[in-house]
C-alpha atoms as a PDB file:
ATOM      1  CA  UNK A   1     -60.580  35.573  33.729  1.00  0.00           C
ATOM      2  CA  UNK A   2     -63.084  37.231  31.519  1.00  0.00           C
ATOM      3  CA  UNK A   3     -63.267  41.307  31.242  1.00  0.00           C
ATOM      4  CA  UNK A   4     -66.367  42.956  30.232  1.00  0.00           C
ATOM      5  CA  UNK A   5     -66.728  46.170  28.470  1.00  0.00           C
ATOM      6  CA  UNK A   6     -66.617  48.290  31.353  1.00  0.00           C
ATOM      7  CA  UNK A   7     -63.552  46.839  32.714  1.00  0.00           C
ATOM      8  CA  UNK A   8     -61.748  47.218  29.367  1.00  0.00           C
ATOM      9  CA  UNK A   9     -62.962  50.949  29.213  1.00  0.00           C
ATOM     10  CA  UNK A  10     -61.509  51.427  32.732  1.00  0.00           C
ATOM     11  CA  UNK A  11     -58.217  49.917  31.847  1.00  0.00           C
ATOM     12  CA  UNK A  12     -57.894  51.845  28.324  1.00  0.00           C
ATOM     13  CA  UNK A  13     -58.465  55.020  30.442  1.00  0.00           C
ATOM     14  CA  UNK A  14     -55.841  53.929  33.218  1.00  0.00           C
ATOM     15  CA  UNK A  15     -53.201  53.257  30.700  1.00  0.00           C
ATOM     16  CA  UNK A  16     -53.852  56.526  28.789  1.00  0.00           C
ATOM     17  CA  UNK A  17     -53.458  58.500  32.010  1.00  0.00           C
ATOM     18  CA  UNK A  18     -50.460  56.824  33.284  1.00  0.00           C
ATOM     19  CA  UNK A  19     -48.166  57.075  30.462  1.00  0.00           C
ATOM     20  CA  UNK A  20     -47.298  53.500  30.268  1.00  0.00           C
ATOM     21  CA  UNK A  21     -46.599  52.320  26.608  1.00  0.00           C
ATOM     22  CA  UNK A  22     -47.908  48.712  26.525  1.00  0.00           C
ATOM     23  CA  UNK A  23     -49.765  46.857  28.866  1.00  0.00           C
ATOM     24  CA  UNK A  24     -50.452  43.037  28.115  1.00  0.00           C
ATOM     25  CA  UNK A  25     -52.860  40.579  30.117  1.00  0.00           C
ATOM     26  CA  UNK A  26     -52.960  37.046  29.026  1.00  0.00           C
ATOM     27  CA  UNK A  27     -54.968  34.204  30.570  1.00  0.00           C
ATOM     28  CA  UNK A  28     -55.586  30.664  29.293  1.00  0.00           C
ATOM     29  CA  UNK A  29     -58.844  31.717  27.548  1.00  0.00           C
ATOM     30  CA  UNK A  30     -58.392  35.413  27.297  1.00  0.00           C
ATOM     31  CA  UNK A  31     -55.584  37.909  25.692  1.00  0.00           C
ATOM     32  CA  UNK A  32     -55.695  41.844  25.736  1.00  0.00           C
ATOM     33  CA  UNK A  33     -52.909  44.267  24.728  1.00  0.00           C
ATOM     34  CA  UNK A  34     -53.119  47.866  24.918  1.00  0.00           C
ATOM     35  CA  UNK A  35     -50.289  49.626  23.363  1.00  0.00           C
ATOM     36  CA  UNK A  36     -49.926  53.707  23.723  1.00  0.00           C
ATOM     37  CA  UNK A  37     -47.680  56.214  21.903  1.00  0.00           C
ATOM     38  CA  UNK A  38     -48.630  59.541  20.358  1.00  0.00           C
ATOM     39  CA  UNK A  39     -50.741  57.692  17.752  1.00  0.00           C
ATOM     40  CA  UNK A  40     -54.150  56.339  18.555  1.00  0.00           C
ATOM     41  CA  UNK A  41     -54.476  53.619  21.109  1.00  0.00           C
ATOM     42  CA  UNK A  42     -55.562  50.126  19.655  1.00  0.00           C
ATOM     43  CA  UNK A  43     -57.082  47.356  21.957  1.00  0.00           C
ATOM     44  CA  UNK A  44     -56.896  43.925  20.943  1.00  0.00           C
ATOM     45  CA  UNK A  45     -58.968  41.157  22.518  1.00  0.00           C
ATOM     46  CA  UNK A  46     -58.952  37.785  21.964  1.00  0.00           C
ATOM     47  CA  UNK A  47     -61.312  34.967  23.030  1.00  0.00           C
ATOM     48  CA  UNK A  48     -61.247  31.492  21.822  1.00  0.00           C
ATOM     49  CA  UNK A  49     -64.177  30.737  19.499  1.00  0.00           C
ATOM     50  CA  UNK A  50     -64.913  34.175  18.831  1.00  0.00           C
ATOM     51  CA  UNK A  51     -63.940  36.740  16.387  1.00  0.00           C
ATOM     52  CA  UNK A  52     -61.038  39.603  16.813  1.00  0.00           C
ATOM     53  CA  UNK A  53     -62.155  42.592  18.715  1.00  0.00           C
ATOM     54  CA  UNK A  54     -60.420  45.856  18.152  1.00  0.00           C
ATOM     55  CA  UNK A  55     -61.327  49.376  19.333  1.00  0.00           C
ATOM     56  CA  UNK A  56     -59.397  52.691  18.830  1.00  0.00           C
ATOM     57  CA  UNK A  57     -58.903  55.213  21.522  1.00  0.00           C
ATOM     58  CA  UNK A  58     -57.406  58.652  20.938  1.00  0.00           C
ATOM     59  CA  UNK A  59     -54.299  59.225  23.159  1.00  0.00           C
ATOM     60  CA  UNK A  60     -55.177  62.248  25.621  1.00  0.00           C
ATOM     61  CA  UNK A  61     -52.143  64.143  24.304  1.00  0.00           C
ATOM     62  CA  UNK A  62     -53.666  64.292  20.826  1.00  0.00           C
ATOM     63  CA  UNK A  63     -56.857  65.588  22.357  1.00  0.00           C
ATOM     64  CA  UNK A  64     -55.045  68.442  23.932  1.00  0.00           C
ATOM     65  CA  UNK A  65     -53.252  69.340  20.908  1.00  0.00           C
ATOM     66  CA  UNK A  66     -56.426  69.711  18.929  1.00  0.00           C
ATOM     67  CA  UNK A  67     -57.484  72.309  21.240  1.00  0.00           C
ATOM     68  CA  UNK A  68     -56.719  75.749  19.876  1.00  0.00           C
ATOM     69  CA  UNK A  69     -54.541  78.085  21.734  1.00  0.00           C
ATOM     70  CA  UNK A  70     -55.777  80.418  24.197  1.00  0.00           C
ATOM     71  CA  UNK A  71     -57.286  83.378  22.754  1.00  0.00           C
ATOM     72  CA  UNK A  72     -57.680  86.788  24.748  1.00  0.00           C
ATOM     73  CA  UNK A  73     -61.194  87.242  25.723  1.00  0.00           C
ATOM     74  CA  UNK A  74     -63.254  90.177  24.739  1.00  0.00           C
ATOM     75  CA  UNK A  75     -65.903  91.337  26.822  1.00  0.00           C
ATOM     76  CA  UNK A  76     -68.599  89.313  24.089  1.00  0.00           C
ATOM     77  CA  UNK A  77     -66.566  86.309  24.520  1.00  0.00           C
ATOM     78  CA  UNK A  78     -67.289  86.329  28.449  1.00  0.00           C
ATOM     79  CA  UNK A  79     -70.817  87.061  27.796  1.00  0.00           C
ATOM     80  CA  UNK A  80     -71.237  83.803  25.544  1.00  0.00           C
ATOM     81  CA  UNK A  81     -69.515  81.823  28.026  1.00  0.00           C
ATOM     82  CA  UNK A  82     -71.383  83.042  30.751  1.00  0.00           C
ATOM     83  CA  UNK A  83     -74.590  82.217  28.646  1.00  0.00           C
ATOM     84  CA  UNK A  84     -73.371  78.421  28.382  1.00  0.00           C
ATOM     85  CA  UNK A  85     -72.568  78.450  31.833  1.00  0.00           C
ATOM     86  CA  UNK A  86     -76.130  77.911  32.837  1.00  0.00           C
ATOM     87  CA  UNK A  87     -76.532  74.748  30.558  1.00  0.00           C
ATOM     88  CA  UNK A  88     -75.666  71.273  31.445  1.00  0.00           C
ATOM     89  CA  UNK A  89     -73.427  69.148  29.349  1.00  0.00           C
ATOM     90  CA  UNK A  90     -74.560  65.357  28.458  1.00  0.00           C
ATOM     91  CA  UNK A  91     -71.260  63.550  27.929  1.00  0.00           C
ATOM     92  CA  UNK A  92     -70.183  60.226  26.306  1.00  0.00           C
ATOM     93  CA  UNK A  93     -69.684  57.490  29.027  1.00  0.00           C
ATOM     94  CA  UNK A  94     -67.351  55.657  26.515  1.00  0.00           C
ATOM     95  CA  UNK A  95     -65.229  55.799  23.885  1.00  0.00           C
ATOM     96  CA  UNK A  96     -67.148  54.943  20.344  1.00  0.00           C
ATOM     97  CA  UNK A  97     -69.130  56.297  17.372  1.00  0.00           C
ATOM     98  CA  UNK A  98     -72.057  58.398  17.949  1.00  0.00           C
ATOM     99  CA  UNK A  99     -75.240  58.185  16.416  1.00  0.00           C
ATOM    100  CA  UNK A 100     -78.281  60.305  16.696  1.00  0.00           C
ATOM    101  CA  UNK A 101     -81.016  57.766  15.670  1.00  0.00           C
ATOM    102  CA  UNK A 102     -81.454  54.080  15.917  1.00  0.00           C
ATOM    103  CA  UNK A 103     -80.894  53.642  12.016  1.00  0.00           C
ATOM    104  CA  UNK A 104     -80.071  55.849   9.365  1.00  0.00           C
ATOM    105  CA  UNK A 105     -83.943  55.986   8.132  1.00  0.00           C
ATOM    106  CA  UNK A 106     -85.438  56.659  11.613  1.00  0.00           C
ATOM    107  CA  UNK A 107     -85.657  60.125  12.897  1.00  0.00           C
ATOM    108  CA  UNK A 108     -83.203  61.399  15.457  1.00  0.00           C
ATOM    109  CA  UNK A 109     -83.756  60.508  19.196  1.00  0.00           C
ATOM    110  CA  UNK A 110     -83.646  64.226  20.075  1.00  0.00           C
ATOM    111  CA  UNK A 111     -83.077  67.433  18.380  1.00  0.00           C
ATOM    112  CA  UNK A 112     -82.560  71.038  19.431  1.00  0.00           C
ATOM    113  CA  UNK A 113     -85.431  72.605  21.112  1.00  0.00           C
ATOM    114  CA  UNK A 114     -86.707  69.098  22.448  1.00  0.00           C
ATOM    115  CA  UNK A 115     -87.688  68.617  25.711  1.00  0.00           C
ATOM    116  CA  UNK A 116     -85.762  65.706  27.464  1.00  0.00           C
ATOM    117  CA  UNK A 117     -86.742  63.575  30.684  1.00  0.00           C
ATOM    118  CA  UNK A 118     -83.937  61.867  32.949  1.00  0.00           C
ATOM    119  CA  UNK A 119     -83.659  58.334  31.645  1.00  0.00           C
ATOM    120  CA  UNK A 120     -84.770  59.391  28.171  1.00  0.00           C
ATOM    121  CA  UNK A 121     -82.398  57.892  25.535  1.00  0.00           C
ATOM    122  CA  UNK A 122     -80.883  60.839  23.686  1.00  0.00           C
ATOM    123  CA  UNK A 123     -78.258  58.974  21.221  1.00  0.00           C
ATOM    124  CA  UNK A 124     -76.230  55.733  20.714  1.00  0.00           C
ATOM    125  CA  UNK A 125     -72.582  55.087  20.987  1.00  0.00           C
ATOM    126  CA  UNK A 126     -71.300  51.962  19.354  1.00  0.00           C
ATOM    127  CA  UNK A 127     -68.396  50.540  20.939  1.00  0.00           C
ATOM    128  CA  UNK A 128     -66.708  47.220  19.632  1.00  0.00           C
ATOM    129  CA  UNK A 129     -69.967  46.278  17.603  1.00  0.00           C
ATOM    130  CA  UNK A 130     -72.200  46.902  20.791  1.00  0.00           C
ATOM    131  CA  UNK A 131     -74.853  49.594  20.263  1.00  0.00           C
ATOM    132  CA  UNK A 132     -75.309  51.224  23.798  1.00  0.00           C
ATOM    133  CA  UNK A 133     -78.190  53.769  24.526  1.00  0.00           C
ATOM    134  CA  UNK A 134     -77.247  56.888  26.132  1.00  0.00           C
ATOM    135  CA  UNK A 135     -79.772  58.198  28.829  1.00  0.00           C
ATOM    136  CA  UNK A 136     -80.116  61.805  29.558  1.00  0.00           C
ATOM    137  CA  UNK A 137     -79.290  62.040  33.282  1.00  0.00           C
ATOM    138  CA  UNK A 138     -81.116  65.454  33.579  1.00  0.00           C
ATOM    139  CA  UNK A 139     -84.374  66.936  32.390  1.00  0.00           C
ATOM    140  CA  UNK A 140     -84.387  70.027  30.414  1.00  0.00           C
ATOM    141  CA  UNK A 141     -84.563  71.604  26.868  1.00  0.00           C
ATOM    142  CA  UNK A 142     -81.791  70.599  24.348  1.00  0.00           C
ATOM    143  CA  UNK A 143     -79.937  73.923  23.164  1.00  0.00           C
ATOM    144  CA  UNK A 144     -77.174  72.387  21.056  1.00  0.00           C
ATOM    145  CA  UNK A 145     -76.209  68.954  19.861  1.00  0.00           C
ATOM    146  CA  UNK A 146     -72.271  69.029  19.866  1.00  0.00           C
ATOM    147  CA  UNK A 147     -71.158  66.263  17.806  1.00  0.00           C
ATOM    148  CA  UNK A 148     -72.270  65.125  14.109  1.00  0.00           C
ATOM    149  CA  UNK A 149     -74.022  61.883  13.348  1.00  0.00           C
ATOM    150  CA  UNK A 150     -71.629  58.774  12.982  1.00  0.00           C
ATOM    151  CA  UNK A 151     -68.599  60.713  14.285  1.00  0.00           C
ATOM    152  CA  UNK A 152     -66.262  59.111  16.713  1.00  0.00           C
ATOM    153  CA  UNK A 153     -66.265  60.277  20.324  1.00  0.00           C
ATOM    154  CA  UNK A 154     -63.880  60.311  23.194  1.00  0.00           C
ATOM    155  CA  UNK A 155     -64.876  59.015  26.854  1.00  0.00           C
ATOM    156  CA  UNK A 156     -66.209  62.183  28.550  1.00  0.00           C
ATOM    157  CA  UNK A 157     -66.779  64.277  25.178  1.00  0.00           C
ATOM    158  CA  UNK A 158     -69.756  66.686  25.616  1.00  0.00           C
ATOM    159  CA  UNK A 159     -72.467  65.355  23.405  1.00  0.00           C
ATOM    160  CA  UNK A 160     -75.458  67.842  24.073  1.00  0.00           C
ATOM    161  CA  UNK A 161     -76.118  71.130  25.993  1.00  0.00           C
ATOM    162  CA  UNK A 162     -79.260  70.937  27.998  1.00  0.00           C
ATOM    163  CA  UNK A 163     -81.036  74.043  29.546  1.00  0.00           C
ATOM    164  CA  UNK A 164     -82.159  72.490  33.083  1.00  0.00           C
ATOM    165  CA  UNK A 165     -84.867  75.355  33.621  1.00  0.00           C
END
């Protein structure tokens, strides 16, 4: 049995949501262990003849702890919320490190004010030494970049706000 990156990501999400502290899968040529507890989750996968691979994933409990406590909304705050409601969010399909360009000396894939088309590469998310091009699923104008370059991102974390009009 060999697992691809998507299966490993799905397993990480399942373990994080299930509340289980540890899952280990071992076959003759493949071993994966996922451990959780309010600390970051570490995945270790070993395949004979290949180097050790590790990926860090935040436990969902930590993500909610980072959110500020609810604040009573006033009329201006509601207006701001209504304005952002018309925008569509491009989210990270995986856990990894967010990059706005293909290399440090290259221009960003997209900037605020740029028009994007469905299928256009908007950023790269690096996960376990694999650089995954993230494509826009919608067409529109980039209104806001929500993540700083070279920052870690979570699965389903908003990356860009796009005005589809």
